[in-house]
Amino acid sequence: MDSFRYVRAQDDAHAIALARRAKTAQQGADIRYIAGGTTLVDLMKLDVERPQTLIDITHLPLTEVKAAPGGGVEIGAMVRNSDLAHHPLIQRGYPVLSEALLSGASAQLRNKATTGGNLLQRTRCMYFRDVALPCNKREPGSGCGAITGINRMMAILGGSEHCIATNPSDMNVALAALEAMVHIEGASGRRAIPIADFHLLPGETPQRETVLQPGDLVSHIVLPPAAPGSRSTYLKLRDRASYEFALASAAVVATVESGRIQRVRIAMGGVGTKPWRFIEAELMLTGMPATTASYKQVAAAALKDARPQSQNGFKVALAQRCLVHALRQATQTV
């Protein structure tokens, strides 16, 4: 691990000012905010992340989960994953988010990891995490070792010739299905970004994973009011039952009336380079009978553009079955 400068922020404005000051003092310096550190510290130890300045934001007053003005729920960026998963507002109105959080990592990590950190969680691709291997995300222009190498866990949706790494977060998948808004503060002011637009496809710039600009700080996430009568579920398929990343996962929020789907939101993890929202499948399913036959038809259509690699072709069928089962769970069909 390289040496670095450490400073502690007292509030949001102070954190942003510290980042701006560090950028001015060290032109082009790599600056990171650190909270739980469950990803960043690991990557620093592996020499993948090499920040010149760490800004400690653990004391920022962003630790509340509360009712949002006009309905919905506001989640502070410093809320711990375990606290969020067990919060009554989340368990009552957004159980898919609670289920997703509880399916990720261990209890010890959930007690430490934060909402903002989970939102920004970086890939677990072995080529990214090993500095001896080629990775365009870590070192642009070095190549993507996974494309011709070990790619069983890699994405089948959203990849490019430069990167096929999956987004590892379970929480992000649930947030995508819930159509969350990410609130950001920075030198250019405050703005809110739909979760669907927050994470970027790799394209030709896989090193750029989100819309955040240098020094931007995620302050909180807002969930819209839960749709009346909706039910939800999070289903995660993995190689082992605990402490493992998804091969395929599905977050479904659905409303059924008179045996037909009136409203549905679908997102999947483990299959895309970002949390993958299936808007076309949602439109197709709306108005259809809430039956397994409908779900199989929609799942096949949803995965029609999948581009599997040499070792992960099984993910196409696995993702379809995962989606069908999650839809059945959310709508309680037989």
C-alpha atoms as a PDB file:
ATOM      1  CA  MET A   1       0.000   0.000   0.000  1.00  0.00           C
ATOM      2  CA  ASP A   2       1.377   3.418  -0.980  1.00  0.00           C
ATOM      3  CA  SER A   3       1.505   6.331   1.437  1.00  0.00           C
ATOM      4  CA  PHE A   4      -1.418   8.752   1.345  1.00  0.00           C
ATOM      5  CA  ARG A   5      -2.739  11.856   3.068  1.00  0.00           C
ATOM      6  CA  TYR A   6      -5.662  11.442   5.468  1.00  0.00           C
ATOM      7  CA  VAL A   7      -8.135  14.179   6.437  1.00  0.00           C
ATOM      8  CA  ARG A   8     -11.454  14.079   8.267  1.00  0.00           C
ATOM      9  CA  ALA A   9     -14.559  15.933   7.079  1.00  0.00           C
ATOM     10  CA  GLN A  10     -17.026  17.441   9.544  1.00  0.00           C
ATOM     11  CA  ASP A  11     -19.994  17.855   7.203  1.00  0.00           C
ATOM     12  CA  ASP A  12     -20.967  17.652   3.513  1.00  0.00           C
ATOM     13  CA  ALA A  13     -19.686  21.103   2.587  1.00  0.00           C
ATOM     14  CA  HIS A  14     -16.411  20.509   4.413  1.00  0.00           C
ATOM     15  CA  ALA A  15     -15.884  17.189   2.585  1.00  0.00           C
ATOM     16  CA  ILE A  16     -16.408  18.798  -0.815  1.00  0.00           C
ATOM     17  CA  ALA A  17     -14.149  21.717   0.114  1.00  0.00           C
ATOM     18  CA  LEU A  18     -11.416  19.310   1.216  1.00  0.00           C
ATOM     19  CA  ALA A  19     -11.660  17.471  -2.092  1.00  0.00           C
ATOM     20  CA  ARG A  20     -11.453  20.734  -4.040  1.00  0.00           C
ATOM     21  CA  ARG A  21      -8.490  21.892  -1.963  1.00  0.00           C
ATOM     22  CA  ALA A  22      -6.642  18.599  -2.466  1.00  0.00           C
ATOM     23  CA  LYS A  23      -7.240  18.777  -6.233  1.00  0.00           C
ATOM     24  CA  THR A  24      -5.852  22.315  -6.315  1.00  0.00           C
ATOM     25  CA  ALA A  25      -2.796  21.431  -4.235  1.00  0.00           C
ATOM     26  CA  GLN A  26      -2.057  18.276  -6.237  1.00  0.00           C
ATOM     27  CA  GLN A  27      -3.081  18.756  -9.848  1.00  0.00           C
ATOM     28  CA  GLY A  28      -4.634  15.521 -11.107  1.00  0.00           C
ATOM     29  CA  ALA A  29      -4.409  13.901  -7.681  1.00  0.00           C
ATOM     30  CA  ASP A  30      -6.516  10.802  -7.060  1.00  0.00           C
ATOM     31  CA  ILE A  31      -8.869  11.591  -4.157  1.00  0.00           C
ATOM     32  CA  ARG A  32     -11.265   9.186  -2.456  1.00  0.00           C
ATOM     33  CA  TYR A  33     -13.922   9.514   0.203  1.00  0.00           C
ATOM     34  CA  ILE A  34     -13.767   6.697   2.735  1.00  0.00           C
ATOM     35  CA  ALA A  35     -16.598   5.484   4.959  1.00  0.00           C
ATOM     36  CA  GLY A  36     -16.906   1.785   5.831  1.00  0.00           C
ATOM     37  CA  GLY A  37     -13.922   1.004   3.631  1.00  0.00           C
ATOM     38  CA  THR A  38     -15.031  -2.567   2.968  1.00  0.00           C
ATOM     39  CA  THR A  39     -14.128  -2.251  -0.729  1.00  0.00           C
ATOM     40  CA  LEU A  40     -11.681   0.655  -0.889  1.00  0.00           C
ATOM     41  CA  VAL A  41      -9.253  -0.595   1.767  1.00  0.00           C
ATOM     42  CA  ASP A  42      -9.127  -4.033   0.135  1.00  0.00           C
ATOM     43  CA  LEU A  43      -8.327  -2.473  -3.238  1.00  0.00           C
ATOM     44  CA  MET A  44      -5.651  -0.261  -1.692  1.00  0.00           C
ATOM     45  CA  LYS A  45      -3.996  -3.316  -0.155  1.00  0.00           C
ATOM     46  CA  LEU A  46      -4.055  -4.996  -3.571  1.00  0.00           C
ATOM     47  CA  ASP A  47      -2.485  -1.881  -5.148  1.00  0.00           C
ATOM     48  CA  VAL A  48      -5.516  -1.500  -7.417  1.00  0.00           C
ATOM     49  CA  GLU A  49      -6.570   1.802  -5.840  1.00  0.00           C
ATOM     50  CA  ARG A  50      -3.783   4.313  -5.150  1.00  0.00           C
ATOM     51  CA  PRO A  51      -5.363   7.507  -3.795  1.00  0.00           C
ATOM     52  CA  GLN A  52      -3.094  10.369  -2.800  1.00  0.00           C
ATOM     53  CA  THR A  53      -5.726  11.704  -0.385  1.00  0.00           C
ATOM     54  CA  LEU A  54      -8.377   9.923   1.682  1.00  0.00           C
ATOM     55  CA  ILE A  55     -11.208  12.064   3.045  1.00  0.00           C
ATOM     56  CA  ASP A  56     -12.871  10.385   6.027  1.00  0.00           C
ATOM     57  CA  ILE A  57     -16.654  10.985   5.890  1.00  0.00           C
ATOM     58  CA  THR A  58     -17.648   8.681   8.739  1.00  0.00           C
ATOM     59  CA  HIS A  59     -18.723  11.656  10.864  1.00  0.00           C
ATOM     60  CA  LEU A  60     -21.044  13.190   8.268  1.00  0.00           C
ATOM     61  CA  PRO A  61     -24.659  13.503   9.463  1.00  0.00           C
ATOM     62  CA  LEU A  62     -26.018  11.256   6.720  1.00  0.00           C
ATOM     63  CA  THR A  63     -27.124   8.351   8.890  1.00  0.00           C
ATOM     64  CA  GLU A  64     -30.922   8.638   8.856  1.00  0.00           C
ATOM     65  CA  VAL A  65     -33.619   6.594   7.183  1.00  0.00           C
ATOM     66  CA  LYS A  66     -36.720   8.778   7.177  1.00  0.00           C
ATOM     67  CA  ALA A  67     -39.941   9.555   5.364  1.00  0.00           C
ATOM     68  CA  ALA A  68     -39.251  11.793   2.368  1.00  0.00           C
ATOM     69  CA  PRO A  69     -41.263  14.963   1.699  1.00  0.00           C
ATOM     70  CA  GLY A  70     -44.163  14.071  -0.554  1.00  0.00           C
ATOM     71  CA  GLY A  71     -43.903  10.362   0.220  1.00  0.00           C
ATOM     72  CA  GLY A  72     -41.254   7.720  -0.196  1.00  0.00           C
ATOM     73  CA  VAL A  73     -38.161   7.211   1.918  1.00  0.00           C
ATOM     74  CA  GLU A  74     -34.856   9.075   2.153  1.00  0.00           C
ATOM     75  CA  ILE A  75     -31.757   7.015   2.937  1.00  0.00           C
ATOM     76  CA  GLY A  76     -28.579   8.756   4.077  1.00  0.00           C
ATOM     77  CA  ALA A  77     -25.367   7.699   2.343  1.00  0.00           C
ATOM     78  CA  MET A  78     -23.803   6.757   5.689  1.00  0.00           C
ATOM     79  CA  VAL A  79     -26.594   4.371   6.742  1.00  0.00           C
ATOM     80  CA  ARG A  80     -25.075   0.970   7.439  1.00  0.00           C
ATOM     81  CA  ASN A  81     -26.334  -1.911   5.312  1.00  0.00           C
ATOM     82  CA  SER A  82     -27.525  -3.878   8.351  1.00  0.00           C
ATOM     83  CA  ASP A  83     -29.438  -0.891   9.756  1.00  0.00           C
ATOM     84  CA  LEU A  84     -31.084  -0.274   6.390  1.00  0.00           C
ATOM     85  CA  ALA A  85     -32.070  -3.909   5.933  1.00  0.00           C
ATOM     86  CA  HIS A  86     -33.776  -4.048   9.324  1.00  0.00           C
ATOM     87  CA  HIS A  87     -35.370  -0.596   9.305  1.00  0.00           C
ATOM     88  CA  PRO A  88     -39.186  -0.736   9.700  1.00  0.00           C
ATOM     89  CA  LEU A  89     -39.792   1.712   6.834  1.00  0.00           C
ATOM     90  CA  ILE A  90     -37.809  -0.531   4.486  1.00  0.00           C
ATOM     91  CA  GLN A  91     -39.142  -3.850   5.714  1.00  0.00           C
ATOM     92  CA  ARG A  92     -42.716  -2.596   5.544  1.00  0.00           C
ATOM     93  CA  GLY A  93     -42.705  -0.685   2.262  1.00  0.00           C
ATOM     94  CA  TYR A  94     -39.680  -1.988   0.315  1.00  0.00           C
ATOM     95  CA  PRO A  95     -39.008  -5.603   1.363  1.00  0.00           C
ATOM     96  CA  VAL A  96     -37.131  -6.290  -1.892  1.00  0.00           C
ATOM     97  CA  LEU A  97     -34.387  -3.923  -0.697  1.00  0.00           C
ATOM     98  CA  SER A  98     -34.182  -5.569   2.711  1.00  0.00           C
ATOM     99  CA  GLU A  99     -33.952  -9.017   1.106  1.00  0.00           C
ATOM    100  CA  ALA A 100     -31.244  -7.876  -1.309  1.00  0.00           C
ATOM    101  CA  LEU A 101     -29.113  -6.379   1.462  1.00  0.00           C
ATOM    102  CA  LEU A 102     -29.417  -9.455   3.657  1.00  0.00           C
ATOM    103  CA  SER A 103     -28.351 -11.714   0.775  1.00  0.00           C
ATOM    104  CA  GLY A 104     -25.053  -9.857   0.378  1.00  0.00           C
ATOM    105  CA  ALA A 105     -21.782 -10.371   2.239  1.00  0.00           C
ATOM    106  CA  SER A 106     -21.600 -11.404   5.898  1.00  0.00           C
ATOM    107  CA  ALA A 107     -23.279  -9.871   8.943  1.00  0.00           C
ATOM    108  CA  GLN A 108     -19.952  -8.351   9.967  1.00  0.00           C
ATOM    109  CA  LEU A 109     -19.501  -6.611   6.611  1.00  0.00           C
ATOM    110  CA  ARG A 110     -23.111  -5.414   6.576  1.00  0.00           C
ATOM    111  CA  ASN A 111     -22.523  -3.828   9.979  1.00  0.00           C
ATOM    112  CA  LYS A 112     -19.659  -1.814   8.488  1.00  0.00           C
ATOM    113  CA  ALA A 113     -20.607  -1.170   4.853  1.00  0.00           C
ATOM    114  CA  THR A 114     -22.587   1.953   3.976  1.00  0.00           C
ATOM    115  CA  THR A 115     -25.336   2.741   1.492  1.00  0.00           C
ATOM    116  CA  GLY A 116     -23.076   5.104  -0.483  1.00  0.00           C
ATOM    117  CA  GLY A 117     -20.225   2.618  -0.520  1.00  0.00           C
ATOM    118  CA  ASN A 118     -22.460  -0.206  -1.694  1.00  0.00           C
ATOM    119  CA  LEU A 119     -23.786   2.017  -4.461  1.00  0.00           C
ATOM    120  CA  LEU A 120     -20.184   2.554  -5.642  1.00  0.00           C
ATOM    121  CA  GLN A 121     -18.995  -1.018  -5.038  1.00  0.00           C
ATOM    122  CA  ARG A 122     -16.458  -2.038  -7.663  1.00  0.00           C
ATOM    123  CA  THR A 123     -16.331  -5.281  -9.608  1.00  0.00           C
ATOM    124  CA  ARG A 124     -14.925  -8.505  -8.200  1.00  0.00           C
ATOM    125  CA  CYS A 125     -13.465  -9.517 -11.574  1.00  0.00           C
ATOM    126  CA  MET A 126     -10.172 -11.305 -10.906  1.00  0.00           C
ATOM    127  CA  TYR A 127      -8.464  -9.427 -13.735  1.00  0.00           C
ATOM    128  CA  PHE A 128      -9.400  -6.105 -12.160  1.00  0.00           C
ATOM    129  CA  ARG A 129      -8.173  -7.145  -8.721  1.00  0.00           C
ATOM    130  CA  ASP A 130      -4.803  -8.571  -9.810  1.00  0.00           C
ATOM    131  CA  VAL A 131      -2.356  -5.892 -10.979  1.00  0.00           C
ATOM    132  CA  ALA A 132      -0.285  -8.537 -12.772  1.00  0.00           C
ATOM    133  CA  LEU A 133      -3.161  -9.214 -15.197  1.00  0.00           C
ATOM    134  CA  PRO A 134      -4.510  -7.034 -18.029  1.00  0.00           C
ATOM    135  CA  CYS A 135      -7.610  -4.949 -17.241  1.00  0.00           C
ATOM    136  CA  ASN A 136      -8.915  -1.930 -19.116  1.00  0.00           C
ATOM    137  CA  LYS A 137     -10.965  -0.882 -16.099  1.00  0.00           C
ATOM    138  CA  ARG A 138      -7.858  -0.661 -13.925  1.00  0.00           C
ATOM    139  CA  GLU A 139      -5.349   0.310 -16.636  1.00  0.00           C
ATOM    140  CA  PRO A 140      -6.996   1.647 -19.828  1.00  0.00           C
ATOM    141  CA  GLY A 141      -5.465   0.194 -22.958  1.00  0.00           C
ATOM    142  CA  SER A 142      -4.021  -2.913 -21.309  1.00  0.00           C
ATOM    143  CA  GLY A 143      -6.778  -5.206 -22.622  1.00  0.00           C
ATOM    144  CA  CYS A 144      -9.558  -7.269 -21.065  1.00  0.00           C
ATOM    145  CA  GLY A 145      -8.126 -10.562 -19.882  1.00  0.00           C
ATOM    146  CA  ALA A 146     -11.565 -12.004 -19.124  1.00  0.00           C
ATOM    147  CA  ILE A 147     -12.717 -12.011 -22.755  1.00  0.00           C
ATOM    148  CA  THR A 148     -10.186 -14.675 -23.721  1.00  0.00           C
ATOM    149  CA  GLY A 149      -9.595 -15.979 -20.201  1.00  0.00           C
ATOM    150  CA  ILE A 150     -11.645 -16.992 -17.172  1.00  0.00           C
ATOM    151  CA  ASN A 151     -15.102 -15.517 -17.691  1.00  0.00           C
ATOM    152  CA  ARG A 152     -17.593 -17.829 -15.972  1.00  0.00           C
ATOM    153  CA  MET A 153     -18.758 -15.049 -13.602  1.00  0.00           C
ATOM    154  CA  MET A 154     -18.716 -12.290 -16.206  1.00  0.00           C
ATOM    155  CA  ALA A 155     -21.566 -10.311 -17.796  1.00  0.00           C
ATOM    156  CA  ILE A 156     -23.729 -11.478 -20.685  1.00  0.00           C
ATOM    157  CA  LEU A 157     -25.442  -8.074 -21.059  1.00  0.00           C
ATOM    158  CA  GLY A 158     -23.926  -4.639 -21.552  1.00  0.00           C
ATOM    159  CA  GLY A 159     -20.361  -5.718 -22.218  1.00  0.00           C
ATOM    160  CA  SER A 160     -18.011  -4.337 -24.836  1.00  0.00           C
ATOM    161  CA  GLU A 161     -14.761  -5.406 -26.451  1.00  0.00           C
ATOM    162  CA  HIS A 162     -13.046  -3.503 -23.633  1.00  0.00           C
ATOM    163  CA  CYS A 163     -14.789  -4.960 -20.557  1.00  0.00           C
ATOM    164  CA  ILE A 164     -17.284  -7.653 -19.522  1.00  0.00           C
ATOM    165  CA  ALA A 165     -17.063  -7.283 -15.721  1.00  0.00           C
ATOM    166  CA  THR A 166     -20.287  -7.505 -13.712  1.00  0.00           C
ATOM    167  CA  ASN A 167     -21.533  -5.037 -11.127  1.00  0.00           C
ATOM    168  CA  PRO A 168     -21.364  -7.008  -7.845  1.00  0.00           C
ATOM    169  CA  SER A 169     -23.944  -5.194  -5.693  1.00  0.00           C
ATOM    170  CA  ASP A 170     -27.205  -6.835  -4.616  1.00  0.00           C
ATOM    171  CA  MET A 171     -28.490  -3.543  -3.216  1.00  0.00           C
ATOM    172  CA  ASN A 172     -28.097  -1.808  -6.584  1.00  0.00           C
ATOM    173  CA  VAL A 173     -30.356  -4.355  -8.265  1.00  0.00           C
ATOM    174  CA  ALA A 174     -33.157  -3.702  -5.778  1.00  0.00           C
ATOM    175  CA  LEU A 175     -32.667   0.064  -6.113  1.00  0.00           C
ATOM    176  CA  ALA A 176     -32.995  -0.258  -9.899  1.00  0.00           C
ATOM    177  CA  ALA A 177     -36.314  -2.090  -9.573  1.00  0.00           C
ATOM    178  CA  LEU A 178     -37.502   0.528  -7.071  1.00  0.00           C
ATOM    179  CA  GLU A 179     -36.514   3.388  -9.411  1.00  0.00           C
ATOM    180  CA  ALA A 180     -34.447   5.129  -6.759  1.00  0.00           C
ATOM    181  CA  MET A 181     -32.990   8.612  -7.175  1.00  0.00           C
ATOM    182  CA  VAL A 182     -29.355   9.227  -6.223  1.00  0.00           C
ATOM    183  CA  HIS A 183     -28.679  12.673  -4.758  1.00  0.00           C
ATOM    184  CA  ILE A 184     -25.228  14.127  -5.311  1.00  0.00           C
ATOM    185  CA  GLU A 185     -23.389  17.183  -3.999  1.00  0.00           C
ATOM    186  CA  GLY A 186     -20.272  18.638  -5.583  1.00  0.00           C
ATOM    187  CA  ALA A 187     -18.422  21.721  -6.710  1.00  0.00           C
ATOM    188  CA  SER A 188     -21.106  22.340  -9.354  1.00  0.00           C
ATOM    189  CA  GLY A 189     -23.947  22.139  -6.831  1.00  0.00           C
ATOM    190  CA  ARG A 190     -26.600  19.550  -6.051  1.00  0.00           C
ATOM    191  CA  ARG A 191     -28.315  17.236  -8.494  1.00  0.00           C
ATOM    192  CA  ALA A 192     -30.449  14.088  -8.509  1.00  0.00           C
ATOM    193  CA  ILE A 193     -29.796  11.199 -10.908  1.00  0.00           C
ATOM    194  CA  PRO A 194     -32.138   8.254 -11.583  1.00  0.00           C
ATOM    195  CA  ILE A 195     -30.435   5.027 -10.550  1.00  0.00           C
ATOM    196  CA  ALA A 196     -30.846   3.764 -14.138  1.00  0.00           C
ATOM    197  CA  ASP A 197     -28.553   6.564 -15.347  1.00  0.00           C
ATOM    198  CA  PHE A 198     -26.104   6.540 -12.436  1.00  0.00           C
ATOM    199  CA  HIS A 199     -24.001   3.536 -13.493  1.00  0.00           C
ATOM    200  CA  LEU A 200     -22.397   3.611 -16.943  1.00  0.00           C
ATOM    201  CA  LEU A 201     -21.883   0.892 -19.532  1.00  0.00           C
ATOM    202  CA  PRO A 202     -18.197   0.145 -20.156  1.00  0.00           C
ATOM    203  CA  GLY A 203     -18.173   1.033 -23.858  1.00  0.00           C
ATOM    204  CA  GLU A 204     -14.733   2.391 -24.715  1.00  0.00           C
ATOM    205  CA  THR A 205     -14.177   3.840 -21.213  1.00  0.00           C
ATOM    206  CA  PRO A 206     -14.651   0.987 -18.713  1.00  0.00           C
ATOM    207  CA  GLN A 207     -12.592   2.890 -16.125  1.00  0.00           C
ATOM    208  CA  ARG A 208     -15.504   5.327 -15.749  1.00  0.00           C
ATOM    209  CA  GLU A 209     -18.200   3.442 -13.866  1.00  0.00           C
ATOM    210  CA  THR A 210     -20.616   6.180 -12.745  1.00  0.00           C
ATOM    211  CA  VAL A 211     -21.665   9.724 -13.615  1.00  0.00           C
ATOM    212  CA  LEU A 212     -19.803  11.100 -10.578  1.00  0.00           C
ATOM    213  CA  GLN A 213     -17.276  13.841 -11.273  1.00  0.00           C
ATOM    214  CA  PRO A 214     -14.073  14.209  -9.200  1.00  0.00           C
ATOM    215  CA  GLY A 215     -14.995  15.454  -5.729  1.00  0.00           C
ATOM    216  CA  ASP A 216     -18.708  14.580  -6.044  1.00  0.00           C
ATOM    217  CA  LEU A 217     -20.281  13.169  -2.900  1.00  0.00           C
ATOM    218  CA  VAL A 218     -23.374  10.963  -2.732  1.00  0.00           C
ATOM    219  CA  SER A 219     -25.471  12.459   0.073  1.00  0.00           C
ATOM    220  CA  HIS A 220     -28.584  10.294   0.049  1.00  0.00           C
ATOM    221  CA  ILE A 221     -30.896   8.060  -1.963  1.00  0.00           C
ATOM    222  CA  VAL A 222     -34.645   8.602  -2.279  1.00  0.00           C
ATOM    223  CA  LEU A 223     -37.122   5.794  -2.907  1.00  0.00           C
ATOM    224  CA  PRO A 224     -40.437   6.843  -4.477  1.00  0.00           C
ATOM    225  CA  PRO A 225     -43.674   5.940  -2.680  1.00  0.00           C
ATOM    226  CA  ALA A 226     -44.406   2.234  -2.899  1.00  0.00           C
ATOM    227  CA  ALA A 227     -47.039   1.420  -5.519  1.00  0.00           C
ATOM    228  CA  PRO A 228     -50.378   0.552  -3.837  1.00  0.00           C
ATOM    229  CA  GLY A 229     -50.954  -3.178  -3.644  1.00  0.00           C
ATOM    230  CA  SER A 230     -47.503  -4.091  -4.937  1.00  0.00           C
ATOM    231  CA  ARG A 231     -45.536  -7.121  -3.802  1.00  0.00           C
ATOM    232  CA  SER A 232     -41.830  -7.674  -4.257  1.00  0.00           C
ATOM    233  CA  THR A 233     -39.073 -10.220  -3.944  1.00  0.00           C
ATOM    234  CA  TYR A 234     -35.327 -10.603  -4.419  1.00  0.00           C
ATOM    235  CA  LEU A 235     -33.994 -13.929  -5.629  1.00  0.00           C
ATOM    236  CA  LYS A 236     -30.255 -14.630  -5.731  1.00  0.00           C
ATOM    237  CA  LEU A 237     -28.704 -17.688  -7.395  1.00  0.00           C
ATOM    238  CA  ARG A 238     -25.070 -18.395  -6.496  1.00  0.00           C
ATOM    239  CA  ASP A 239     -22.550 -21.190  -6.222  1.00  0.00           C
ATOM    240  CA  ARG A 240     -22.944 -21.444  -2.461  1.00  0.00           C
ATOM    241  CA  ALA A 241     -25.592 -20.261  -0.029  1.00  0.00           C
ATOM    242  CA  SER A 242     -23.533 -17.661   1.824  1.00  0.00           C
ATOM    243  CA  TYR A 243     -20.907 -14.979   1.218  1.00  0.00           C
ATOM    244  CA  GLU A 244     -20.961 -15.322  -2.553  1.00  0.00           C
ATOM    245  CA  PHE A 245     -21.709 -13.023  -5.473  1.00  0.00           C
ATOM    246  CA  ALA A 246     -24.637 -13.717  -7.764  1.00  0.00           C
ATOM    247  CA  LEU A 247     -24.472 -15.798 -10.915  1.00  0.00           C
ATOM    248  CA  ALA A 248     -27.926 -14.355 -11.544  1.00  0.00           C
ATOM    249  CA  SER A 249     -30.298 -12.433  -9.314  1.00  0.00           C
ATOM    250  CA  ALA A 250     -33.666 -10.785  -9.837  1.00  0.00           C
ATOM    251  CA  ALA A 251     -35.539  -7.983  -8.095  1.00  0.00           C
ATOM    252  CA  VAL A 252     -39.229  -7.842  -8.963  1.00  0.00           C
ATOM    253  CA  VAL A 253     -41.893  -5.364  -7.830  1.00  0.00           C
ATOM    254  CA  ALA A 254     -45.346  -6.250  -9.175  1.00  0.00           C
ATOM    255  CA  THR A 255     -49.015  -5.385  -8.819  1.00  0.00           C
ATOM    256  CA  VAL A 256     -51.640  -7.928  -9.850  1.00  0.00           C
ATOM    257  CA  GLU A 257     -55.347  -7.221 -10.277  1.00  0.00           C
ATOM    258  CA  SER A 258     -57.965  -9.725 -11.442  1.00  0.00           C
ATOM    259  CA  GLY A 259     -55.263 -12.207 -12.347  1.00  0.00           C
ATOM    260  CA  ARG A 260     -53.347  -9.836 -14.640  1.00  0.00           C
ATOM    261  CA  ILE A 261     -50.159  -7.843 -14.200  1.00  0.00           C
ATOM    262  CA  GLN A 262     -51.062  -4.183 -13.766  1.00  0.00           C
ATOM    263  CA  ARG A 263     -47.596  -2.875 -13.018  1.00  0.00           C
ATOM    264  CA  VAL A 264     -44.185  -4.518 -12.829  1.00  0.00           C
ATOM    265  CA  ARG A 265     -40.560  -3.448 -12.393  1.00  0.00           C
ATOM    266  CA  ILE A 266     -37.752  -5.908 -13.112  1.00  0.00           C
ATOM    267  CA  ALA A 267     -33.996  -5.663 -12.543  1.00  0.00           C
ATOM    268  CA  MET A 268     -31.301  -8.322 -12.534  1.00  0.00           C
ATOM    269  CA  GLY A 269     -27.800  -8.711 -11.172  1.00  0.00           C
ATOM    270  CA  GLY A 270     -24.941 -11.071 -11.975  1.00  0.00           C
ATOM    271  CA  VAL A 271     -25.680 -10.822 -15.688  1.00  0.00           C
ATOM    272  CA  GLY A 272     -24.956  -7.195 -16.587  1.00  0.00           C
ATOM    273  CA  THR A 273     -22.077  -4.748 -16.487  1.00  0.00           C
ATOM    274  CA  LYS A 274     -24.440  -2.540 -14.459  1.00  0.00           C
ATOM    275  CA  PRO A 275     -27.648  -3.289 -12.528  1.00  0.00           C
ATOM    276  CA  TRP A 276     -29.812  -4.385 -15.450  1.00  0.00           C
ATOM    277  CA  ARG A 277     -33.337  -2.998 -15.784  1.00  0.00           C
ATOM    278  CA  PHE A 278     -35.657  -4.792 -18.234  1.00  0.00           C
ATOM    279  CA  ILE A 279     -37.992  -1.995 -19.346  1.00  0.00           C
ATOM    280  CA  GLU A 280     -39.125  -3.736 -22.550  1.00  0.00           C
ATOM    281  CA  ALA A 281     -39.968  -6.863 -20.594  1.00  0.00           C
ATOM    282  CA  GLU A 282     -41.956  -4.769 -18.117  1.00  0.00           C
ATOM    283  CA  LEU A 283     -44.006  -3.226 -20.930  1.00  0.00           C
ATOM    284  CA  MET A 284     -44.536  -6.610 -22.513  1.00  0.00           C
ATOM    285  CA  LEU A 285     -45.702  -8.173 -19.259  1.00  0.00           C
ATOM    286  CA  THR A 286     -48.107  -5.371 -18.313  1.00  0.00           C
ATOM    287  CA  GLY A 287     -51.654  -6.566 -18.948  1.00  0.00           C
ATOM    288  CA  MET A 288     -50.643 -10.204 -19.416  1.00  0.00           C
ATOM    289  CA  PRO A 289     -52.070 -12.995 -17.245  1.00  0.00           C
ATOM    290  CA  ALA A 290     -50.063 -13.545 -14.071  1.00  0.00           C
ATOM    291  CA  THR A 291     -49.061 -17.074 -15.085  1.00  0.00           C
ATOM    292  CA  THR A 292     -45.869 -19.049 -15.426  1.00  0.00           C
ATOM    293  CA  ALA A 293     -46.453 -19.264 -19.178  1.00  0.00           C
ATOM    294  CA  SER A 294     -46.436 -15.465 -19.389  1.00  0.00           C
ATOM    295  CA  TYR A 295     -43.275 -15.244 -17.342  1.00  0.00           C
ATOM    296  CA  LYS A 296     -41.425 -17.783 -19.479  1.00  0.00           C
ATOM    297  CA  GLN A 297     -42.356 -15.875 -22.621  1.00  0.00           C
ATOM    298  CA  VAL A 298     -41.174 -12.571 -21.165  1.00  0.00           C
ATOM    299  CA  ALA A 299     -37.976 -14.048 -19.720  1.00  0.00           C
ATOM    300  CA  ALA A 300     -37.000 -15.486 -23.100  1.00  0.00           C
ATOM    301  CA  ALA A 301     -37.571 -12.096 -24.727  1.00  0.00           C
ATOM    302  CA  ALA A 302     -35.652 -10.290 -21.987  1.00  0.00           C
ATOM    303  CA  LEU A 303     -32.500 -12.345 -22.561  1.00  0.00           C
ATOM    304  CA  LYS A 304     -32.651 -12.404 -26.367  1.00  0.00           C
ATOM    305  CA  ASP A 305     -29.744  -9.940 -26.688  1.00  0.00           C
ATOM    306  CA  ALA A 306     -27.450 -11.769 -24.264  1.00  0.00           C
ATOM    307  CA  ARG A 307     -23.866 -12.177 -25.463  1.00  0.00           C
ATOM    308  CA  PRO A 308     -22.308 -15.015 -23.465  1.00  0.00           C
ATOM    309  CA  GLN A 309     -18.596 -15.687 -23.407  1.00  0.00           C
ATOM    310  CA  SER A 310     -16.748 -18.986 -23.697  1.00  0.00           C
ATOM    311  CA  GLN A 311     -17.497 -20.145 -20.129  1.00  0.00           C
ATOM    312  CA  ASN A 312     -20.761 -18.453 -19.125  1.00  0.00           C
ATOM    313  CA  GLY A 313     -23.300 -19.513 -21.724  1.00  0.00           C
ATOM    314  CA  PHE A 314     -25.210 -21.274 -18.932  1.00  0.00           C
ATOM    315  CA  LYS A 315     -26.125 -17.849 -17.559  1.00  0.00           C
ATOM    316  CA  VAL A 316     -28.689 -17.277 -20.310  1.00  0.00           C
ATOM    317  CA  ALA A 317     -30.923 -20.157 -19.213  1.00  0.00           C
ATOM    318  CA  LEU A 318     -30.093 -19.556 -15.547  1.00  0.00           C
ATOM    319  CA  ALA A 319     -31.142 -15.894 -15.781  1.00  0.00           C
ATOM    320  CA  GLN A 320     -34.403 -16.844 -17.522  1.00  0.00           C
ATOM    321  CA  ARG A 321     -35.251 -19.372 -14.810  1.00  0.00           C
ATOM    322  CA  CYS A 322     -34.245 -16.920 -12.092  1.00  0.00           C
ATOM    323  CA  LEU A 323     -36.564 -14.279 -13.534  1.00  0.00           C
ATOM    324  CA  VAL A 324     -39.491 -16.687 -13.961  1.00  0.00           C
ATOM    325  CA  HIS A 325     -39.155 -17.911 -10.371  1.00  0.00           C
ATOM    326  CA  ALA A 326     -38.855 -14.360  -8.990  1.00  0.00           C
ATOM    327  CA  LEU A 327     -41.974 -13.294 -10.888  1.00  0.00           C
ATOM    328  CA  ARG A 328     -43.827 -16.283  -9.514  1.00  0.00           C
ATOM    329  CA  GLN A 329     -42.709 -15.442  -5.977  1.00  0.00           C
ATOM    330  CA  ALA A 330     -43.727 -11.782  -6.308  1.00  0.00           C
ATOM    331  CA  THR A 331     -47.162 -12.623  -7.735  1.00  0.00           C
ATOM    332  CA  GLN A 332     -47.728 -15.893  -5.884  1.00  0.00           C
ATOM    333  CA  THR A 333     -48.610 -17.900  -8.961  1.00  0.00           C
ATOM    334  CA  VAL A 334     -48.284 -21.651  -9.041  1.00  0.00           C
END
